């Protein structure tokens, strides 16, 4: 406990960095509405989306996560051994 009766709390705690990866391939939501045979505007107006990103056949959830992790480590200067 400190002299004022409170325990010391660290000040450098929290989210220090964040990274995001969005695949470069996408499908137009208006085309998907037609393909899915749903009412026009269900995705574009209802969800407010013009495009939806999709993975290529060379990507999966593991490669997406590793891409984000690699970028995050580079951005923060943290080495994997740490």
C-alpha atoms as a PDB file:
ATOM      1  CA  UNK A   1       0.000   0.000   0.000  1.00  0.00           C
ATOM      2  CA  UNK A   2       1.136   3.515  -0.649  1.00  0.00           C
ATOM      3  CA  UNK A   3       1.204   6.257   1.954  1.00  0.00           C
ATOM      4  CA  UNK A   4      -2.316   7.449   1.046  1.00  0.00           C
ATOM      5  CA  UNK A   5      -3.765   3.992   1.669  1.00  0.00           C
ATOM      6  CA  UNK A   6      -4.201   2.966  -1.966  1.00  0.00           C
ATOM      7  CA  UNK A   7      -2.320   0.222  -3.735  1.00  0.00           C
ATOM      8  CA  UNK A   8      -0.078   1.230  -6.609  1.00  0.00           C
ATOM      9  CA  UNK A   9      -1.675   0.656 -10.001  1.00  0.00           C
ATOM     10  CA  UNK A  10       0.430   0.385 -13.152  1.00  0.00           C
ATOM     11  CA  UNK A  11      -0.083   3.186 -15.662  1.00  0.00           C
ATOM     12  CA  UNK A  12       1.154   1.423 -18.799  1.00  0.00           C
ATOM     13  CA  UNK A  13      -1.589  -1.191 -19.046  1.00  0.00           C
ATOM     14  CA  UNK A  14      -4.038  -1.472 -21.911  1.00  0.00           C
ATOM     15  CA  UNK A  15      -4.203  -1.895 -25.650  1.00  0.00           C
ATOM     16  CA  UNK A  16      -0.972  -0.550 -27.074  1.00  0.00           C
ATOM     17  CA  UNK A  17      -1.397  -1.543 -30.729  1.00  0.00           C
ATOM     18  CA  UNK A  18      -3.959  -3.005 -33.074  1.00  0.00           C
ATOM     19  CA  UNK A  19      -3.787  -4.463 -36.575  1.00  0.00           C
ATOM     20  CA  UNK A  20      -6.416  -5.400 -39.147  1.00  0.00           C
ATOM     21  CA  UNK A  21      -6.285  -7.405 -42.366  1.00  0.00           C
ATOM     22  CA  UNK A  22      -9.045  -7.355 -44.947  1.00  0.00           C
ATOM     23  CA  UNK A  23      -8.689  -9.654 -47.966  1.00  0.00           C
ATOM     24  CA  UNK A  24      -8.342  -7.787 -51.254  1.00  0.00           C
ATOM     25  CA  UNK A  25     -10.921  -9.882 -53.107  1.00  0.00           C
ATOM     26  CA  UNK A  26     -14.546  -8.914 -52.782  1.00  0.00           C
ATOM     27  CA  UNK A  27     -18.036  -9.597 -54.101  1.00  0.00           C
ATOM     28  CA  UNK A  28     -20.441  -6.801 -54.935  1.00  0.00           C
ATOM     29  CA  UNK A  29     -23.371  -7.145 -52.553  1.00  0.00           C
ATOM     30  CA  UNK A  30     -25.841  -6.263 -55.317  1.00  0.00           C
ATOM     31  CA  UNK A  31     -24.557  -9.262 -57.314  1.00  0.00           C
ATOM     32  CA  UNK A  32     -24.826 -11.451 -54.234  1.00  0.00           C
ATOM     33  CA  UNK A  33     -28.436 -10.342 -53.732  1.00  0.00           C
ATOM     34  CA  UNK A  34     -29.212 -11.543 -57.256  1.00  0.00           C
ATOM     35  CA  UNK A  35     -27.283 -14.801 -56.804  1.00  0.00           C
ATOM     36  CA  UNK A  36     -28.926 -15.535 -53.434  1.00  0.00           C
ATOM     37  CA  UNK A  37     -32.346 -14.679 -54.915  1.00  0.00           C
ATOM     38  CA  UNK A  38     -33.170 -12.236 -52.120  1.00  0.00           C
ATOM     39  CA  UNK A  39     -34.937  -8.908 -52.399  1.00  0.00           C
ATOM     40  CA  UNK A  40     -32.972  -6.056 -53.948  1.00  0.00           C
ATOM     41  CA  UNK A  41     -31.452  -3.943 -51.195  1.00  0.00           C
ATOM     42  CA  UNK A  42     -31.378  -6.664 -48.535  1.00  0.00           C
ATOM     43  CA  UNK A  43     -27.582  -6.480 -48.310  1.00  0.00           C
ATOM     44  CA  UNK A  44     -26.896  -3.057 -49.818  1.00  0.00           C
ATOM     45  CA  UNK A  45     -29.560  -1.164 -47.883  1.00  0.00           C
ATOM     46  CA  UNK A  46     -30.392  -3.557 -45.032  1.00  0.00           C
ATOM     47  CA  UNK A  47     -26.767  -4.216 -44.084  1.00  0.00           C
ATOM     48  CA  UNK A  48     -25.402  -1.019 -45.597  1.00  0.00           C
ATOM     49  CA  UNK A  49     -22.691  -2.902 -47.477  1.00  0.00           C
ATOM     50  CA  UNK A  50     -21.564  -2.344 -51.038  1.00  0.00           C
ATOM     51  CA  UNK A  51     -18.961  -5.123 -51.047  1.00  0.00           C
ATOM     52  CA  UNK A  52     -18.030  -8.106 -48.902  1.00  0.00           C
ATOM     53  CA  UNK A  53     -14.415  -9.261 -48.662  1.00  0.00           C
ATOM     54  CA  UNK A  54     -13.623 -12.895 -49.386  1.00  0.00           C
ATOM     55  CA  UNK A  55     -10.503 -14.994 -49.025  1.00  0.00           C
ATOM     56  CA  UNK A  56      -8.720 -16.348 -52.060  1.00  0.00           C
ATOM     57  CA  UNK A  57      -8.063 -20.057 -52.408  1.00  0.00           C
ATOM     58  CA  UNK A  58      -4.560 -19.371 -51.033  1.00  0.00           C
ATOM     59  CA  UNK A  59      -5.879 -17.956 -47.747  1.00  0.00           C
ATOM     60  CA  UNK A  60      -7.505 -19.492 -44.706  1.00  0.00           C
ATOM     61  CA  UNK A  61      -8.124 -18.395 -41.134  1.00  0.00           C
ATOM     62  CA  UNK A  62      -4.605 -19.401 -40.094  1.00  0.00           C
ATOM     63  CA  UNK A  63      -2.923 -17.349 -42.830  1.00  0.00           C
ATOM     64  CA  UNK A  64      -5.151 -14.361 -42.010  1.00  0.00           C
ATOM     65  CA  UNK A  65      -4.179 -14.562 -38.332  1.00  0.00           C
ATOM     66  CA  UNK A  66      -0.481 -14.979 -39.089  1.00  0.00           C
ATOM     67  CA  UNK A  67      -0.544 -11.990 -41.458  1.00  0.00           C
ATOM     68  CA  UNK A  68      -2.064  -9.830 -38.732  1.00  0.00           C
ATOM     69  CA  UNK A  69       0.374 -11.135 -36.121  1.00  0.00           C
ATOM     70  CA  UNK A  70       3.374 -10.516 -38.379  1.00  0.00           C
ATOM     71  CA  UNK A  71       2.271  -6.951 -39.113  1.00  0.00           C
ATOM     72  CA  UNK A  72       1.582  -6.318 -35.428  1.00  0.00           C
ATOM     73  CA  UNK A  73       5.016  -7.567 -34.385  1.00  0.00           C
ATOM     74  CA  UNK A  74       6.654  -5.402 -37.075  1.00  0.00           C
ATOM     75  CA  UNK A  75       4.602  -2.363 -36.072  1.00  0.00           C
ATOM     76  CA  UNK A  76       5.459  -2.644 -32.390  1.00  0.00           C
ATOM     77  CA  UNK A  77       9.041  -3.867 -32.729  1.00  0.00           C
ATOM     78  CA  UNK A  78       8.296  -6.892 -30.558  1.00  0.00           C
ATOM     79  CA  UNK A  79      10.355  -9.976 -31.355  1.00  0.00           C
ATOM     80  CA  UNK A  80       8.565 -13.372 -31.329  1.00  0.00           C
ATOM     81  CA  UNK A  81      11.033 -14.664 -28.708  1.00  0.00           C
ATOM     82  CA  UNK A  82       9.700 -12.105 -26.235  1.00  0.00           C
END
